[in-house]
Amino acid sequence: MENNKHEHITSYKEHFSTWLALILLTFMTVFVSVFGADLRTLSVATAMLIATIKATAVAYYFMHLKYEPKIYKAMMAVVLALFAFFMIMITIDYLTR
């Protein structure tokens, strides 16, 4: 059997830029929750969208999805699409009550 271990060397610049993006997205989430309180559903949807972007960034860089085969990326895209679908359905249900 062949050993398929690959080393992925990432630069400090890439780690720093990912960290900075996550910090900025966190500030955006706080900003939406504090100043978007009168929007209710829209602020929750915006916070969930930001959280999804942050989770994708973490999976892509820190869980090394960036270096994995395309099938794993496709599986993550399916999960994100299902998540978006269910969030839309929940929002529609909430708005029509």
PDB file of N, CA and C in Angstrom:
ATOM      1  N   MET A   1       0.837  -1.185   0.000  1.00  0.00           N
ATOM      2  CA  MET A   1       0.000   0.000   0.000  1.00  0.00           C
ATOM      3  C   MET A   1       0.877   1.242   0.000  1.00  0.00           C
ATOM      4  N   GLU A   2       0.425   2.198  -0.704  1.00  0.00           N
ATOM      5  CA  GLU A   2       1.190   3.427  -0.838  1.00  0.00           C
ATOM      6  C   GLU A   2       0.777   4.425   0.239  1.00  0.00           C
ATOM      7  N   ASN A   3       1.732   5.093   0.797  1.00  0.00           N
ATOM      8  CA  ASN A   3       1.455   6.092   1.826  1.00  0.00           C
ATOM      9  C   ASN A   3       1.074   7.411   1.149  1.00  0.00           C
ATOM     10  N   ASN A   4      -0.156   7.889   1.379  1.00  0.00           N
ATOM     11  CA  ASN A   4      -0.651   9.091   0.709  1.00  0.00           C
ATOM     12  C   ASN A   4      -0.603  10.327   1.598  1.00  0.00           C
ATOM     13  N   LYS A   5       0.346  10.393   2.488  1.00  0.00           N
ATOM     14  CA  LYS A   5       0.456  11.568   3.340  1.00  0.00           C
ATOM     15  C   LYS A   5       1.117  12.696   2.556  1.00  0.00           C
ATOM     16  N   HIS A   6       0.490  13.857   2.635  1.00  0.00           N
ATOM     17  CA  HIS A   6       1.029  15.039   1.978  1.00  0.00           C
ATOM     18  C   HIS A   6       1.172  16.127   3.021  1.00  0.00           C
ATOM     19  N   GLU A   7       2.269  16.824   2.955  1.00  0.00           N
ATOM     20  CA  GLU A   7       2.449  17.949   3.858  1.00  0.00           C
ATOM     21  C   GLU A   7       1.920  19.202   3.190  1.00  0.00           C
ATOM     22  N   HIS A   8       1.201  19.985   3.983  1.00  0.00           N
ATOM     23  CA  HIS A   8       0.646  21.235   3.484  1.00  0.00           C
ATOM     24  C   HIS A   8       1.249  22.366   4.295  1.00  0.00           C
ATOM     25  N   ILE A   9       2.148  23.055   3.675  1.00  0.00           N
ATOM     26  CA  ILE A   9       2.811  24.152   4.357  1.00  0.00           C
ATOM     27  C   ILE A   9       2.096  25.444   3.972  1.00  0.00           C
ATOM     28  N   THR A  10       1.559  26.111   4.982  1.00  0.00           N
ATOM     29  CA  THR A  10       0.884  27.378   4.741  1.00  0.00           C
ATOM     30  C   THR A  10       1.699  28.497   5.380  1.00  0.00           C
ATOM     31  N   SER A  11       1.596  29.645   4.786  1.00  0.00           N
ATOM     32  CA  SER A  11       2.398  30.769   5.260  1.00  0.00           C
ATOM     33  C   SER A  11       1.725  31.451   6.443  1.00  0.00           C
ATOM     34  N   TYR A  12       2.519  32.218   7.150  1.00  0.00           N
ATOM     35  CA  TYR A  12       1.973  33.011   8.252  1.00  0.00           C
ATOM     36  C   TYR A  12       0.991  34.045   7.720  1.00  0.00           C
ATOM     37  N   LYS A  13       1.239  34.544   6.523  1.00  0.00           N
ATOM     38  CA  LYS A  13       0.342  35.523   5.912  1.00  0.00           C
ATOM     39  C   LYS A  13      -1.047  34.927   5.713  1.00  0.00           C
ATOM     40  N   GLU A  14      -1.097  33.693   5.257  1.00  0.00           N
ATOM     41  CA  GLU A  14      -2.384  33.031   5.042  1.00  0.00           C
ATOM     42  C   GLU A  14      -3.113  32.807   6.367  1.00  0.00           C
ATOM     43  N   HIS A  15      -2.380  32.382   7.393  1.00  0.00           N
ATOM     44  CA  HIS A  15      -2.992  32.200   8.710  1.00  0.00           C
ATOM     45  C   HIS A  15      -3.477  33.529   9.267  1.00  0.00           C
ATOM     46  N   PHE A  16      -2.680  34.559   9.122  1.00  0.00           N
ATOM     47  CA  PHE A  16      -3.060  35.872   9.648  1.00  0.00           C
ATOM     48  C   PHE A  16      -4.281  36.428   8.915  1.00  0.00           C
ATOM     49  N   SER A  17      -4.296  36.293   7.603  1.00  0.00           N
ATOM     50  CA  SER A  17      -5.435  36.814   6.844  1.00  0.00           C
ATOM     51  C   SER A  17      -6.714  36.042   7.167  1.00  0.00           C
ATOM     52  N   THR A  18      -6.612  34.745   7.381  1.00  0.00           N
ATOM     53  CA  THR A  18      -7.783  33.961   7.785  1.00  0.00           C
ATOM     54  C   THR A  18      -8.251  34.385   9.164  1.00  0.00           C
ATOM     55  N   TRP A  19      -7.322  34.559  10.073  1.00  0.00           N
ATOM     56  CA  TRP A  19      -7.672  35.011  11.423  1.00  0.00           C
ATOM     57  C   TRP A  19      -8.330  36.384  11.372  1.00  0.00           C
ATOM     58  N   LEU A  20      -7.777  37.281  10.583  1.00  0.00           N
ATOM     59  CA  LEU A  20      -8.336  38.624  10.463  1.00  0.00           C
ATOM     60  C   LEU A  20      -9.752  38.579   9.882  1.00  0.00           C
ATOM     61  N   ALA A  21      -9.958  37.747   8.882  1.00  0.00           N
ATOM     62  CA  ALA A  21     -11.299  37.608   8.296  1.00  0.00           C
ATOM     63  C   ALA A  21     -12.291  37.089   9.328  1.00  0.00           C
ATOM     64  N   LEU A  22     -11.876  36.108  10.132  1.00  0.00           N
ATOM     65  CA  LEU A  22     -12.769  35.574  11.163  1.00  0.00           C
ATOM     66  C   LEU A  22     -13.078  36.621  12.225  1.00  0.00           C
ATOM     67  N   ILE A  23     -12.101  37.419  12.594  1.00  0.00           N
ATOM     68  CA  ILE A  23     -12.332  38.488  13.572  1.00  0.00           C
ATOM     69  C   ILE A  23     -13.301  39.524  13.004  1.00  0.00           C
ATOM     70  N   LEU A  24     -13.093  39.927  11.754  1.00  0.00           N
ATOM     71  CA  LEU A  24     -13.991  40.904  11.132  1.00  0.00           C
ATOM     72  C   LEU A  24     -15.414  40.361  11.012  1.00  0.00           C
ATOM     73  N   LEU A  25     -15.543  39.102  10.658  1.00  0.00           N
ATOM     74  CA  LEU A  25     -16.878  38.502  10.580  1.00  0.00           C
ATOM     75  C   LEU A  25     -17.532  38.416  11.963  1.00  0.00           C
ATOM     76  N   THR A  26     -16.739  38.189  12.990  1.00  0.00           N
ATOM     77  CA  THR A  26     -17.282  38.182  14.350  1.00  0.00           C
ATOM     78  C   THR A  26     -17.781  39.569  14.733  1.00  0.00           C
ATOM     79  N   PHE A  27     -17.014  40.600  14.408  1.00  0.00           N
ATOM     80  CA  PHE A  27     -17.467  41.973  14.668  1.00  0.00           C
ATOM     81  C   PHE A  27     -18.741  42.288  13.895  1.00  0.00           C
ATOM     82  N   MET A  28     -18.835  41.785  12.670  1.00  0.00           N
ATOM     83  CA  MET A  28     -20.055  41.993  11.893  1.00  0.00           C
ATOM     84  C   MET A  28     -21.250  41.332  12.562  1.00  0.00           C
ATOM     85  N   THR A  29     -21.057  40.140  13.101  1.00  0.00           N
ATOM     86  CA  THR A  29     -22.138  39.445  13.797  1.00  0.00           C
ATOM     87  C   THR A  29     -22.593  40.237  15.016  1.00  0.00           C
ATOM     88  N   VAL A  30     -21.643  40.746  15.782  1.00  0.00           N
ATOM     89  CA  VAL A  30     -21.984  41.546  16.960  1.00  0.00           C
ATOM     90  C   VAL A  30     -22.695  42.827  16.535  1.00  0.00           C
ATOM     91  N   PHE A  31     -22.213  43.458  15.486  1.00  0.00           N
ATOM     92  CA  PHE A  31     -22.830  44.683  14.993  1.00  0.00           C
ATOM     93  C   PHE A  31     -24.282  44.433  14.585  1.00  0.00           C
ATOM     94  N   VAL A  32     -24.529  43.337  13.880  1.00  0.00           N
ATOM     95  CA  VAL A  32     -25.892  43.003  13.458  1.00  0.00           C
ATOM     96  C   VAL A  32     -26.768  42.711  14.665  1.00  0.00           C
ATOM     97  N   SER A  33     -26.237  42.009  15.647  1.00  0.00           N
ATOM     98  CA  SER A  33     -27.061  41.656  16.809  1.00  0.00           C
ATOM     99  C   SER A  33     -27.363  42.864  17.686  1.00  0.00           C
ATOM    100  N   VAL A  34     -26.451  43.831  17.762  1.00  0.00           N
ATOM    101  CA  VAL A  34     -26.667  45.006  18.610  1.00  0.00           C
ATOM    102  C   VAL A  34     -27.498  46.064  17.885  1.00  0.00           C
ATOM    103  N   PHE A  35     -27.125  46.387  16.649  1.00  0.00           N
ATOM    104  CA  PHE A  35     -27.779  47.490  15.947  1.00  0.00           C
ATOM    105  C   PHE A  35     -28.894  47.036  15.006  1.00  0.00           C
ATOM    106  N   GLY A  36     -29.006  45.745  14.780  1.00  0.00           N
ATOM    107  CA  GLY A  36     -30.068  45.244  13.906  1.00  0.00           C
ATOM    108  C   GLY A  36     -31.182  44.584  14.679  1.00  0.00           C
ATOM    109  N   ALA A  37     -31.312  44.926  15.962  1.00  0.00           N
ATOM    110  CA  ALA A  37     -32.300  44.275  16.823  1.00  0.00           C
ATOM    111  C   ALA A  37     -33.732  44.526  16.363  1.00  0.00           C
ATOM    112  N   ASP A  38     -34.005  45.656  15.731  1.00  0.00           N
ATOM    113  CA  ASP A  38     -35.362  45.935  15.287  1.00  0.00           C
ATOM    114  C   ASP A  38     -35.723  45.195  14.001  1.00  0.00           C
ATOM    115  N   LEU A  39     -34.750  44.569  13.358  1.00  0.00           N
ATOM    116  CA  LEU A  39     -35.011  43.832  12.126  1.00  0.00           C
ATOM    117  C   LEU A  39     -35.469  42.397  12.381  1.00  0.00           C
ATOM    118  N   ARG A  40     -35.246  41.884  13.564  1.00  0.00           N
ATOM    119  CA  ARG A  40     -35.588  40.536  14.015  1.00  0.00           C
ATOM    120  C   ARG A  40     -35.171  39.452  13.033  1.00  0.00           C
ATOM    121  N   THR A  41     -36.065  39.058  12.143  1.00  0.00           N
ATOM    122  CA  THR A  41     -35.789  37.928  11.260  1.00  0.00           C
ATOM    123  C   THR A  41     -34.604  38.208  10.344  1.00  0.00           C
ATOM    124  N   LEU A  42     -34.524  39.412   9.826  1.00  0.00           N
ATOM    125  CA  LEU A  42     -33.423  39.744   8.935  1.00  0.00           C
ATOM    126  C   LEU A  42     -32.087  39.710   9.662  1.00  0.00           C
ATOM    127  N   SER A  43     -32.049  40.175  10.912  1.00  0.00           N
ATOM    128  CA  SER A  43     -30.791  40.147  11.652  1.00  0.00           C
ATOM    129  C   SER A  43     -30.382  38.718  11.989  1.00  0.00           C
ATOM    130  N   VAL A  44     -31.368  37.867  12.283  1.00  0.00           N
ATOM    131  CA  VAL A  44     -31.052  36.461  12.559  1.00  0.00           C
ATOM    132  C   VAL A  44     -30.530  35.790  11.291  1.00  0.00           C
ATOM    133  N   ALA A  45     -31.170  36.050  10.165  1.00  0.00           N
ATOM    134  CA  ALA A  45     -30.723  35.461   8.903  1.00  0.00           C
ATOM    135  C   ALA A  45     -29.323  35.957   8.546  1.00  0.00           C
ATOM    136  N   THR A  46     -29.072  37.233   8.777  1.00  0.00           N
ATOM    137  CA  THR A  46     -27.745  37.786   8.495  1.00  0.00           C
ATOM    138  C   THR A  46     -26.689  37.161   9.401  1.00  0.00           C
ATOM    139  N   ALA A  47     -27.015  37.014  10.679  1.00  0.00           N
ATOM    140  CA  ALA A  47     -26.071  36.383  11.610  1.00  0.00           C
ATOM    141  C   ALA A  47     -25.805  34.931  11.218  1.00  0.00           C
ATOM    142  N   MET A  48     -26.828  34.216  10.763  1.00  0.00           N
ATOM    143  CA  MET A  48     -26.642  32.829  10.332  1.00  0.00           C
ATOM    144  C   MET A  48     -25.798  32.757   9.058  1.00  0.00           C
ATOM    145  N   LEU A  49     -25.988  33.707   8.162  1.00  0.00           N
ATOM    146  CA  LEU A  49     -25.174  33.751   6.944  1.00  0.00           C
ATOM    147  C   LEU A  49     -23.706  33.994   7.291  1.00  0.00           C
ATOM    148  N   ILE A  50     -23.458  34.923   8.191  1.00  0.00           N
ATOM    149  CA  ILE A  50     -22.082  35.206   8.614  1.00  0.00           C
ATOM    150  C   ILE A  50     -21.476  33.986   9.302  1.00  0.00           C
ATOM    151  N   ALA A  51     -22.263  33.314  10.136  1.00  0.00           N
ATOM    152  CA  ALA A  51     -21.769  32.102  10.809  1.00  0.00           C
ATOM    153  C   ALA A  51     -21.445  31.001   9.801  1.00  0.00           C
ATOM    154  N   THR A  52     -22.237  30.905   8.749  1.00  0.00           N
ATOM    155  CA  THR A  52     -21.966  29.909   7.709  1.00  0.00           C
ATOM    156  C   THR A  52     -20.670  30.232   6.978  1.00  0.00           C
ATOM    157  N   ILE A  53     -20.450  31.488   6.692  1.00  0.00           N
ATOM    158  CA  ILE A  53     -19.202  31.901   6.038  1.00  0.00           C
ATOM    159  C   ILE A  53     -18.006  31.607   6.934  1.00  0.00           C
ATOM    160  N   LYS A  54     -18.144  31.881   8.223  1.00  0.00           N
ATOM    161  CA  LYS A  54     -17.049  31.600   9.162  1.00  0.00           C
ATOM    162  C   LYS A  54     -16.774  30.100   9.246  1.00  0.00           C
ATOM    163  N   ALA A  55     -17.825  29.287   9.307  1.00  0.00           N
ATOM    164  CA  ALA A  55     -17.638  27.834   9.372  1.00  0.00           C
ATOM    165  C   ALA A  55     -16.966  27.309   8.107  1.00  0.00           C
ATOM    166  N   THR A  56     -17.333  27.875   6.970  1.00  0.00           N
ATOM    167  CA  THR A  56     -16.710  27.470   5.710  1.00  0.00           C
ATOM    168  C   THR A  56     -15.228  27.838   5.701  1.00  0.00           C
ATOM    169  N   ALA A  57     -14.902  29.021   6.187  1.00  0.00           N
ATOM    170  CA  ALA A  57     -13.499  29.445   6.242  1.00  0.00           C
ATOM    171  C   ALA A  57     -12.689  28.540   7.167  1.00  0.00           C
ATOM    172  N   VAL A  58     -13.261  28.195   8.305  1.00  0.00           N
ATOM    173  CA  VAL A  58     -12.566  27.299   9.242  1.00  0.00           C
ATOM    174  C   VAL A  58     -12.347  25.935   8.613  1.00  0.00           C
ATOM    175  N   ALA A  59     -13.371  25.402   7.960  1.00  0.00           N
ATOM    176  CA  ALA A  59     -13.227  24.090   7.317  1.00  0.00           C
ATOM    177  C   ALA A  59     -12.215  24.150   6.179  1.00  0.00           C
ATOM    178  N   TYR A  60     -12.244  25.212   5.424  1.00  0.00           N
ATOM    179  CA  TYR A  60     -11.373  25.328   4.259  1.00  0.00           C
ATOM    180  C   TYR A  60      -9.905  25.455   4.636  1.00  0.00           C
ATOM    181  N   TYR A  61      -9.605  26.263   5.642  1.00  0.00           N
ATOM    182  CA  TYR A  61      -8.205  26.505   5.980  1.00  0.00           C
ATOM    183  C   TYR A  61      -7.704  25.641   7.133  1.00  0.00           C
ATOM    184  N   PHE A  62      -8.434  25.605   8.241  1.00  0.00           N
ATOM    185  CA  PHE A  62      -7.910  24.932   9.421  1.00  0.00           C
ATOM    186  C   PHE A  62      -8.182  23.427   9.426  1.00  0.00           C
ATOM    187  N   MET A  63      -9.206  22.993   8.702  1.00  0.00           N
ATOM    188  CA  MET A  63      -9.473  21.566   8.592  1.00  0.00           C
ATOM    189  C   MET A  63      -8.923  21.011   7.281  1.00  0.00           C
ATOM    190  N   HIS A  64      -8.190  21.850   6.549  1.00  0.00           N
ATOM    191  CA  HIS A  64      -7.471  21.495   5.326  1.00  0.00           C
ATOM    192  C   HIS A  64      -8.370  20.964   4.214  1.00  0.00           C
ATOM    193  N   LEU A  65      -9.616  21.424   4.167  1.00  0.00           N
ATOM    194  CA  LEU A  65     -10.501  21.061   3.071  1.00  0.00           C
ATOM    195  C   LEU A  65      -9.959  21.598   1.746  1.00  0.00           C
ATOM    196  N   LYS A  66      -9.177  22.631   1.841  1.00  0.00           N
ATOM    197  CA  LYS A  66      -8.555  23.241   0.667  1.00  0.00           C
ATOM    198  C   LYS A  66      -7.690  22.238  -0.099  1.00  0.00           C
ATOM    199  N   TYR A  67      -7.115  21.293   0.613  1.00  0.00           N
ATOM    200  CA  TYR A  67      -6.182  20.343  -0.001  1.00  0.00           C
ATOM    201  C   TYR A  67      -6.802  18.963  -0.241  1.00  0.00           C
ATOM    202  N   GLU A  68      -8.055  18.795   0.072  1.00  0.00           N
ATOM    203  CA  GLU A  68      -8.711  17.500  -0.068  1.00  0.00           C
ATOM    204  C   GLU A  68      -9.251  17.309  -1.487  1.00  0.00           C
ATOM    205  N   PRO A  69      -9.607  16.069  -1.824  1.00  0.00           N
ATOM    206  CA  PRO A  69     -10.187  15.821  -3.155  1.00  0.00           C
ATOM    207  C   PRO A  69     -11.513  16.568  -3.340  1.00  0.00           C
ATOM    208  N   LYS A  70     -11.901  16.738  -4.588  1.00  0.00           N
ATOM    209  CA  LYS A  70     -13.094  17.520  -4.915  1.00  0.00           C
ATOM    210  C   LYS A  70     -14.372  16.902  -4.362  1.00  0.00           C
ATOM    211  N   ILE A  71     -14.406  15.619  -4.122  1.00  0.00           N
ATOM    212  CA  ILE A  71     -15.616  14.981  -3.611  1.00  0.00           C
ATOM    213  C   ILE A  71     -15.971  15.530  -2.226  1.00  0.00           C
ATOM    214  N   TYR A  72     -14.975  15.830  -1.419  1.00  0.00           N
ATOM    215  CA  TYR A  72     -15.239  16.383  -0.098  1.00  0.00           C
ATOM    216  C   TYR A  72     -15.774  17.808  -0.191  1.00  0.00           C
ATOM    217  N   LYS A  73     -15.244  18.545  -1.150  1.00  0.00           N
ATOM    218  CA  LYS A  73     -15.758  19.901  -1.365  1.00  0.00           C
ATOM    219  C   LYS A  73     -17.200  19.850  -1.853  1.00  0.00           C
ATOM    220  N   ALA A  74     -17.501  18.887  -2.714  1.00  0.00           N
ATOM    221  CA  ALA A  74     -18.866  18.731  -3.218  1.00  0.00           C
ATOM    222  C   ALA A  74     -19.808  18.333  -2.081  1.00  0.00           C
ATOM    223  N   MET A  75     -19.348  17.457  -1.207  1.00  0.00           N
ATOM    224  CA  MET A  75     -20.178  17.054  -0.074  1.00  0.00           C
ATOM    225  C   MET A  75     -20.453  18.248   0.837  1.00  0.00           C
ATOM    226  N   MET A  76     -19.479  19.090   1.047  1.00  0.00           N
ATOM    227  CA  MET A  76     -19.694  20.276   1.877  1.00  0.00           C
ATOM    228  C   MET A  76     -20.661  21.235   1.195  1.00  0.00           C
ATOM    229  N   ALA A  77     -20.568  21.361  -0.118  1.00  0.00           N
ATOM    230  CA  ALA A  77     -21.496  22.219  -0.853  1.00  0.00           C
ATOM    231  C   ALA A  77     -22.926  21.710  -0.725  1.00  0.00           C
ATOM    232  N   VAL A  78     -23.113  20.403  -0.754  1.00  0.00           N
ATOM    233  CA  VAL A  78     -24.449  19.828  -0.580  1.00  0.00           C
ATOM    234  C   VAL A  78     -24.975  20.130   0.814  1.00  0.00           C
ATOM    235  N   VAL A  79     -24.142  19.982   1.812  1.00  0.00           N
ATOM    236  CA  VAL A  79     -24.557  20.281   3.185  1.00  0.00           C
ATOM    237  C   VAL A  79     -24.928  21.753   3.328  1.00  0.00           C
ATOM    238  N   LEU A  80     -24.124  22.643   2.760  1.00  0.00           N
ATOM    239  CA  LEU A  80     -24.436  24.071   2.824  1.00  0.00           C
ATOM    240  C   LEU A  80     -25.725  24.397   2.077  1.00  0.00           C
ATOM    241  N   ALA A  81     -25.958  23.748   0.937  1.00  0.00           N
ATOM    242  CA  ALA A  81     -27.193  23.974   0.189  1.00  0.00           C
ATOM    243  C   ALA A  81     -28.408  23.496   0.988  1.00  0.00           C
ATOM    244  N   LEU A  82     -28.285  22.338   1.628  1.00  0.00           N
ATOM    245  CA  LEU A  82     -29.379  21.849   2.472  1.00  0.00           C
ATOM    246  C   LEU A  82     -29.619  22.778   3.656  1.00  0.00           C
ATOM    247  N   PHE A  83     -28.540  23.264   4.247  1.00  0.00           N
ATOM    248  CA  PHE A  83     -28.670  24.202   5.355  1.00  0.00           C
ATOM    249  C   PHE A  83     -29.406  25.465   4.904  1.00  0.00           C
ATOM    250  N   ALA A  84     -29.012  26.005   3.750  1.00  0.00           N
ATOM    251  CA  ALA A  84     -29.668  27.207   3.227  1.00  0.00           C
ATOM    252  C   ALA A  84     -31.138  26.935   2.941  1.00  0.00           C
ATOM    253  N   PHE A  85     -31.437  25.791   2.359  1.00  0.00           N
ATOM    254  CA  PHE A  85     -32.818  25.431   2.069  1.00  0.00           C
ATOM    255  C   PHE A  85     -33.659  25.383   3.343  1.00  0.00           C
ATOM    256  N   PHE A  86     -33.155  24.707   4.365  1.00  0.00           N
ATOM    257  CA  PHE A  86     -33.913  24.601   5.607  1.00  0.00           C
ATOM    258  C   PHE A  86     -34.032  25.943   6.317  1.00  0.00           C
ATOM    259  N   MET A  87     -33.007  26.773   6.249  1.00  0.00           N
ATOM    260  CA  MET A  87     -33.109  28.105   6.847  1.00  0.00           C
ATOM    261  C   MET A  87     -34.168  28.945   6.136  1.00  0.00           C
ATOM    262  N   ILE A  88     -34.219  28.842   4.822  1.00  0.00           N
ATOM    263  CA  ILE A  88     -35.242  29.570   4.066  1.00  0.00           C
ATOM    264  C   ILE A  88     -36.635  29.059   4.424  1.00  0.00           C
ATOM    265  N   MET A  89     -36.787  27.754   4.521  1.00  0.00           N
ATOM    266  CA  MET A  89     -38.091  27.180   4.869  1.00  0.00           C
ATOM    267  C   MET A  89     -38.518  27.594   6.277  1.00  0.00           C
ATOM    268  N   ILE A  90     -37.592  27.606   7.216  1.00  0.00           N
ATOM    269  CA  ILE A  90     -37.911  28.029   8.587  1.00  0.00           C
ATOM    270  C   ILE A  90     -38.295  29.505   8.605  1.00  0.00           C
ATOM    271  N   THR A  91     -37.586  30.318   7.846  1.00  0.00           N
ATOM    272  CA  THR A  91     -37.897  31.749   7.791  1.00  0.00           C
ATOM    273  C   THR A  91     -39.271  31.986   7.186  1.00  0.00           C
ATOM    274  N   ILE A  92     -39.580  31.275   6.114  1.00  0.00           N
ATOM    275  CA  ILE A  92     -40.908  31.405   5.503  1.00  0.00           C
ATOM    276  C   ILE A  92     -41.997  30.983   6.484  1.00  0.00           C
ATOM    277  N   ASP A  93     -41.748  29.883   7.188  1.00  0.00           N
ATOM    278  CA  ASP A  93     -42.723  29.419   8.187  1.00  0.00           C
ATOM    279  C   ASP A  93     -42.904  30.461   9.294  1.00  0.00           C
ATOM    280  N   TYR A  94     -41.819  31.039   9.730  1.00  0.00           N
ATOM    281  CA  TYR A  94     -41.884  32.056  10.796  1.00  0.00           C
ATOM    282  C   TYR A  94     -42.641  33.304  10.326  1.00  0.00           C
ATOM    283  N   LEU A  95     -42.383  33.727   9.119  1.00  0.00           N
ATOM    284  CA  LEU A  95     -43.010  34.943   8.610  1.00  0.00           C
ATOM    285  C   LEU A  95     -44.501  34.770   8.307  1.00  0.00           C
ATOM    286  N   THR A  96     -44.930  33.556   8.028  1.00  0.00           N
ATOM    287  CA  THR A  96     -46.330  33.327   7.677  1.00  0.00           C
ATOM    288  C   THR A  96     -47.188  32.963   8.878  1.00  0.00           C
ATOM    289  N   ARG A  97     -46.690  32.985  10.048  1.00  0.00           N
ATOM    290  CA  ARG A  97     -47.493  32.672  11.239  1.00  0.00           C
ATOM    291  C   ARG A  97     -48.162  33.892  11.770  1.00  0.00           C
TER     292      ARG A  97
END
